[in-house]
Amino acid sequence: MEKTNTIFVETFGNSPKIRVLDFFLTFSEFDYSKSQVAAETDVSRITVVPIWDKLIRDRFLVKTRIVGRAEMYKLNKTNPKVKELLELNFKLSSAAANEEIEEKKMLAKTRR
């Protein structure tokens, strides 16, 4: 089944870095391994590694635990940049939802 893009990806582009960041913004309550994120974002693990390392260096991700050999990470919600991205993501989603509601209202009016 083909995955649809989020408004964040539609706005900032469908690059691997944006898809990985979008995944963490969307599922910010849980922790994930590199392999899980690679599978969920359709980005190869080889491509995820340098993105992952940069997100850790920039403190966008924090290690939460180790499960077997897998290190688990989650979004660092204490980082001011992450807070701004979460807020921006919410605003983009709200604007897109409002736009869709207005379009449906207009469509309903034209059908009368």
N, C-alpha and C. Protein backbone atom coordinates (compact mmCIF):
# COMPACT_ATOMS: atom_id res chain seq x y z
N MET A 1 0.84 -1.18 0.00
CA MET A 1 0.00 0.00 0.00
C MET A 1 0.89 1.25 0.00
N GLU A 2 0.55 2.20 -0.82
CA GLU A 2 1.34 3.42 -0.94
C GLU A 2 1.02 4.35 0.22
N LYS A 3 2.07 4.89 0.83
CA LYS A 3 1.89 5.83 1.93
C LYS A 3 1.67 7.22 1.38
N THR A 4 0.77 7.96 2.01
CA THR A 4 0.55 9.34 1.59
C THR A 4 1.47 10.25 2.39
N ASN A 5 1.85 11.35 1.79
CA ASN A 5 2.73 12.30 2.46
C ASN A 5 1.95 13.14 3.46
N THR A 6 2.62 13.49 4.54
CA THR A 6 2.04 14.41 5.51
C THR A 6 2.20 15.83 4.98
N ILE A 7 1.52 16.76 5.60
CA ILE A 7 1.63 18.16 5.19
C ILE A 7 3.06 18.67 5.42
N PHE A 8 3.75 18.14 6.42
CA PHE A 8 5.14 18.54 6.69
C PHE A 8 6.03 18.15 5.50
N VAL A 9 5.87 16.93 5.01
CA VAL A 9 6.65 16.45 3.87
C VAL A 9 6.25 17.21 2.60
N GLU A 10 4.96 17.44 2.44
CA GLU A 10 4.52 18.20 1.26
C GLU A 10 5.10 19.61 1.26
N THR A 11 5.22 20.20 2.43
CA THR A 11 5.72 21.57 2.55
C THR A 11 7.23 21.66 2.36
N PHE A 12 7.98 20.75 2.98
CA PHE A 12 9.43 20.85 3.00
C PHE A 12 10.16 19.91 2.04
N GLY A 13 9.43 19.04 1.37
CA GLY A 13 10.04 18.17 0.39
C GLY A 13 10.14 16.74 0.86
N ASN A 14 10.23 15.84 -0.09
CA ASN A 14 10.22 14.41 0.20
C ASN A 14 11.63 13.84 0.29
N SER A 15 12.53 14.56 0.93
CA SER A 15 13.90 14.06 1.08
C SER A 15 13.96 13.07 2.24
N PRO A 16 14.96 12.19 2.25
CA PRO A 16 15.08 11.25 3.36
C PRO A 16 15.16 11.95 4.73
N LYS A 17 15.90 13.05 4.81
CA LYS A 17 16.02 13.76 6.10
C LYS A 17 14.67 14.27 6.57
N ILE A 18 13.90 14.85 5.67
CA ILE A 18 12.58 15.37 6.02
C ILE A 18 11.65 14.23 6.43
N ARG A 19 11.71 13.11 5.73
CA ARG A 19 10.86 11.96 6.08
C ARG A 19 11.19 11.41 7.45
N VAL A 20 12.49 11.34 7.78
CA VAL A 20 12.90 10.85 9.11
C VAL A 20 12.44 11.83 10.19
N LEU A 21 12.68 13.11 9.96
CA LEU A 21 12.27 14.12 10.93
C LEU A 21 10.75 14.12 11.09
N ASP A 22 10.03 14.03 9.99
CA ASP A 22 8.57 13.98 10.03
C ASP A 22 8.09 12.78 10.84
N PHE A 23 8.74 11.65 10.68
CA PHE A 23 8.36 10.46 11.44
C PHE A 23 8.45 10.73 12.94
N PHE A 24 9.56 11.33 13.37
CA PHE A 24 9.71 11.61 14.80
C PHE A 24 8.74 12.68 15.28
N LEU A 25 8.44 13.66 14.46
CA LEU A 25 7.46 14.69 14.83
C LEU A 25 6.06 14.08 14.96
N THR A 26 5.75 13.15 14.08
CA THR A 26 4.43 12.53 14.08
C THR A 26 4.27 11.54 15.23
N PHE A 27 5.31 10.80 15.51
CA PHE A 27 5.25 9.75 16.55
C PHE A 27 6.20 10.09 17.70
N SER A 28 6.04 11.28 18.24
CA SER A 28 6.99 11.82 19.22
C SER A 28 6.88 11.20 20.61
N GLU A 29 5.87 10.43 20.86
CA GLU A 29 5.69 9.88 22.20
C GLU A 29 6.46 8.57 22.43
N PHE A 30 6.96 7.99 21.37
CA PHE A 30 7.58 6.67 21.48
C PHE A 30 9.04 6.72 21.06
N ASP A 31 9.77 5.65 21.40
CA ASP A 31 11.17 5.55 20.98
C ASP A 31 11.31 4.48 19.92
N TYR A 32 12.35 4.66 19.09
CA TYR A 32 12.53 3.79 17.92
C TYR A 32 14.01 3.50 17.69
N SER A 33 14.26 2.39 17.02
CA SER A 33 15.61 2.06 16.58
C SER A 33 15.80 2.57 15.16
N LYS A 34 17.04 2.61 14.70
CA LYS A 34 17.33 3.03 13.32
C LYS A 34 16.59 2.14 12.33
N SER A 35 16.61 0.84 12.58
CA SER A 35 15.96 -0.09 11.65
C SER A 35 14.46 0.14 11.57
N GLN A 36 13.83 0.42 12.70
CA GLN A 36 12.39 0.69 12.69
C GLN A 36 12.08 1.95 11.88
N VAL A 37 12.86 3.00 12.10
CA VAL A 37 12.63 4.26 11.39
C VAL A 37 12.89 4.08 9.90
N ALA A 38 13.93 3.36 9.56
CA ALA A 38 14.22 3.11 8.14
C ALA A 38 13.05 2.39 7.48
N ALA A 39 12.52 1.38 8.13
CA ALA A 39 11.40 0.62 7.57
C ALA A 39 10.14 1.48 7.45
N GLU A 40 9.84 2.26 8.46
CA GLU A 40 8.62 3.06 8.47
C GLU A 40 8.66 4.25 7.51
N THR A 41 9.85 4.75 7.22
CA THR A 41 9.97 5.92 6.35
C THR A 41 10.33 5.56 4.91
N ASP A 42 10.55 4.28 4.65
CA ASP A 42 10.99 3.81 3.33
C ASP A 42 12.30 4.46 2.92
N VAL A 43 13.18 4.64 3.89
CA VAL A 43 14.53 5.16 3.65
C VAL A 43 15.48 4.03 4.03
N SER A 44 16.47 3.76 3.19
CA SER A 44 17.38 2.66 3.50
C SER A 44 18.15 2.94 4.79
N ARG A 45 18.51 1.89 5.48
CA ARG A 45 19.24 2.06 6.74
C ARG A 45 20.57 2.78 6.50
N ILE A 46 21.21 2.50 5.39
CA ILE A 46 22.48 3.16 5.04
C ILE A 46 22.27 4.67 4.93
N THR A 47 21.15 5.09 4.39
CA THR A 47 20.85 6.51 4.25
C THR A 47 20.44 7.12 5.59
N VAL A 48 19.78 6.34 6.42
CA VAL A 48 19.33 6.82 7.73
C VAL A 48 20.51 7.13 8.66
N VAL A 49 21.58 6.36 8.59
CA VAL A 49 22.69 6.50 9.54
C VAL A 49 23.25 7.92 9.64
N PRO A 50 23.67 8.57 8.54
CA PRO A 50 24.20 9.93 8.69
C PRO A 50 23.13 10.94 9.14
N ILE A 51 21.89 10.74 8.73
CA ILE A 51 20.80 11.62 9.18
C ILE A 51 20.62 11.46 10.68
N TRP A 52 20.60 10.23 11.12
CA TRP A 52 20.44 9.88 12.54
C TRP A 52 21.56 10.52 13.37
N ASP A 53 22.79 10.34 12.90
CA ASP A 53 23.94 10.89 13.63
C ASP A 53 23.84 12.41 13.77
N LYS A 54 23.40 13.08 12.71
CA LYS A 54 23.25 14.54 12.77
C LYS A 54 22.13 14.93 13.73
N LEU A 55 21.03 14.21 13.70
CA LEU A 55 19.93 14.52 14.62
C LEU A 55 20.36 14.34 16.07
N ILE A 56 21.23 13.38 16.34
CA ILE A 56 21.75 13.18 17.69
C ILE A 56 22.71 14.32 18.05
N ARG A 57 23.63 14.64 17.13
CA ARG A 57 24.58 15.74 17.37
C ARG A 57 23.87 17.06 17.66
N ASP A 58 22.78 17.29 16.91
CA ASP A 58 22.02 18.54 17.08
C ASP A 58 21.01 18.46 18.22
N ARG A 59 21.03 17.36 18.94
CA ARG A 59 20.16 17.12 20.10
C ARG A 59 18.67 17.10 19.76
N PHE A 60 18.36 16.66 18.54
CA PHE A 60 16.97 16.48 18.16
C PHE A 60 16.46 15.13 18.68
N LEU A 61 17.38 14.17 18.82
CA LEU A 61 17.04 12.85 19.34
C LEU A 61 17.84 12.58 20.61
N VAL A 62 17.22 11.84 21.51
CA VAL A 62 17.91 11.41 22.73
C VAL A 62 17.74 9.91 22.90
N LYS A 63 18.79 9.25 23.39
CA LYS A 63 18.73 7.81 23.63
C LYS A 63 17.88 7.57 24.87
N THR A 64 16.97 6.60 24.75
CA THR A 64 16.08 6.29 25.86
C THR A 64 16.43 4.97 26.55
N ARG A 65 16.87 3.99 25.76
CA ARG A 65 17.14 2.67 26.33
C ARG A 65 17.81 1.80 25.28
N ILE A 66 18.22 0.62 25.71
CA ILE A 66 18.78 -0.39 24.80
C ILE A 66 17.92 -1.63 24.91
N VAL A 67 17.49 -2.14 23.76
CA VAL A 67 16.68 -3.35 23.70
C VAL A 67 17.48 -4.36 22.89
N GLY A 68 18.03 -5.36 23.56
CA GLY A 68 18.93 -6.30 22.88
C GLY A 68 20.15 -5.54 22.40
N ARG A 69 20.37 -5.54 21.09
CA ARG A 69 21.49 -4.77 20.52
C ARG A 69 21.05 -3.43 19.95
N ALA A 70 19.76 -3.17 19.99
CA ALA A 70 19.22 -1.94 19.39
C ALA A 70 19.18 -0.79 20.39
N GLU A 71 19.73 0.33 19.99
CA GLU A 71 19.61 1.55 20.78
C GLU A 71 18.33 2.25 20.36
N MET A 72 17.54 2.65 21.34
CA MET A 72 16.26 3.29 21.07
C MET A 72 16.38 4.79 21.33
N TYR A 73 15.77 5.57 20.44
CA TYR A 73 15.82 7.03 20.53
C TYR A 73 14.42 7.60 20.37
N LYS A 74 14.23 8.78 20.95
CA LYS A 74 12.98 9.50 20.74
C LYS A 74 13.28 10.97 20.55
N LEU A 75 12.27 11.70 20.13
CA LEU A 75 12.40 13.13 19.90
C LEU A 75 12.69 13.84 21.21
N ASN A 76 13.64 14.75 21.19
CA ASN A 76 14.03 15.52 22.37
C ASN A 76 13.15 16.76 22.49
N LYS A 77 12.04 16.63 23.18
CA LYS A 77 11.08 17.72 23.28
C LYS A 77 11.55 18.89 24.15
N THR A 78 12.70 18.75 24.79
CA THR A 78 13.23 19.87 25.57
C THR A 78 14.08 20.80 24.70
N ASN A 79 14.45 20.36 23.51
CA ASN A 79 15.24 21.18 22.58
C ASN A 79 14.34 22.29 22.03
N PRO A 80 14.75 23.56 22.16
CA PRO A 80 13.92 24.67 21.64
C PRO A 80 13.60 24.55 20.15
N LYS A 81 14.52 24.05 19.35
CA LYS A 81 14.26 23.89 17.91
C LYS A 81 13.19 22.83 17.67
N VAL A 82 13.24 21.77 18.45
CA VAL A 82 12.24 20.71 18.33
C VAL A 82 10.87 21.25 18.73
N LYS A 83 10.83 22.03 19.81
CA LYS A 83 9.56 22.64 20.23
C LYS A 83 8.96 23.48 19.10
N GLU A 84 9.81 24.27 18.43
CA GLU A 84 9.34 25.10 17.32
C GLU A 84 8.85 24.24 16.16
N LEU A 85 9.57 23.15 15.87
CA LEU A 85 9.15 22.26 14.78
C LEU A 85 7.81 21.58 15.10
N LEU A 86 7.63 21.18 16.34
CA LEU A 86 6.36 20.57 16.74
C LEU A 86 5.22 21.57 16.58
N GLU A 87 5.46 22.79 16.99
CA GLU A 87 4.44 23.83 16.86
C GLU A 87 4.15 24.12 15.38
N LEU A 88 5.20 24.23 14.59
CA LEU A 88 5.03 24.46 13.15
C LEU A 88 4.26 23.32 12.50
N ASN A 89 4.60 22.11 12.85
CA ASN A 89 3.91 20.93 12.31
C ASN A 89 2.42 20.98 12.66
N PHE A 90 2.12 21.36 13.89
CA PHE A 90 0.72 21.48 14.32
C PHE A 90 0.00 22.57 13.52
N LYS A 91 0.65 23.71 13.34
CA LYS A 91 0.03 24.81 12.59
C LYS A 91 -0.20 24.43 11.13
N LEU A 92 0.78 23.76 10.53
CA LEU A 92 0.61 23.31 9.14
C LEU A 92 -0.56 22.34 9.02
N SER A 93 -0.65 21.41 9.96
CA SER A 93 -1.73 20.42 9.94
C SER A 93 -3.08 21.09 10.14
N SER A 94 -3.15 22.04 11.06
CA SER A 94 -4.40 22.76 11.31
C SER A 94 -4.82 23.56 10.08
N ALA A 95 -3.88 24.25 9.46
CA ALA A 95 -4.18 25.04 8.26
C ALA A 95 -4.68 24.14 7.14
N ALA A 96 -4.04 22.99 6.96
CA ALA A 96 -4.45 22.05 5.91
C ALA A 96 -5.85 21.51 6.20
N ALA A 97 -6.14 21.21 7.46
CA ALA A 97 -7.46 20.71 7.82
C ALA A 97 -8.53 21.78 7.58
N ASN A 98 -8.24 23.01 7.97
CA ASN A 98 -9.19 24.10 7.75
C ASN A 98 -9.43 24.34 6.26
N GLU A 99 -8.37 24.24 5.48
CA GLU A 99 -8.48 24.40 4.03
C GLU A 99 -9.39 23.33 3.43
N GLU A 100 -9.21 22.11 3.89
CA GLU A 100 -10.03 21.01 3.38
C GLU A 100 -11.49 21.18 3.79
N ILE A 101 -11.75 21.65 4.99
CA ILE A 101 -13.11 21.90 5.44
C ILE A 101 -13.78 22.96 4.56
N GLU A 102 -13.05 24.02 4.29
CA GLU A 102 -13.59 25.10 3.44
C GLU A 102 -13.88 24.59 2.02
N GLU A 103 -12.98 23.76 1.49
CA GLU A 103 -13.20 23.20 0.15
C GLU A 103 -14.46 22.35 0.12
N LYS A 104 -14.68 21.57 1.18
CA LYS A 104 -15.87 20.70 1.23
C LYS A 104 -17.13 21.53 1.38
N LYS A 105 -17.05 22.63 2.12
CA LYS A 105 -18.20 23.53 2.24
C LYS A 105 -18.56 24.12 0.88
N MET A 106 -17.52 24.56 0.16
CA MET A 106 -17.74 25.15 -1.17
C MET A 106 -18.33 24.11 -2.13
N LEU A 107 -17.83 22.90 -2.06
CA LEU A 107 -18.33 21.82 -2.92
C LEU A 107 -19.79 21.52 -2.60
N ALA A 108 -20.11 21.52 -1.31
CA ALA A 108 -21.49 21.25 -0.89
C ALA A 108 -22.43 22.35 -1.40
N LYS A 109 -21.96 23.60 -1.39
CA LYS A 109 -22.77 24.71 -1.88
C LYS A 109 -23.03 24.62 -3.38
N THR A 110 -22.04 24.17 -4.12
CA THR A 110 -22.19 24.07 -5.57
C THR A 110 -23.09 22.90 -5.97
N ARG A 111 -23.27 21.95 -5.12
CA ARG A 111 -24.11 20.77 -5.42
C ARG A 111 -25.58 21.07 -5.18
N ARG A 112 -25.87 22.13 -4.47
CA ARG A 112 -27.27 22.46 -4.16
C ARG A 112 -28.02 22.88 -5.35
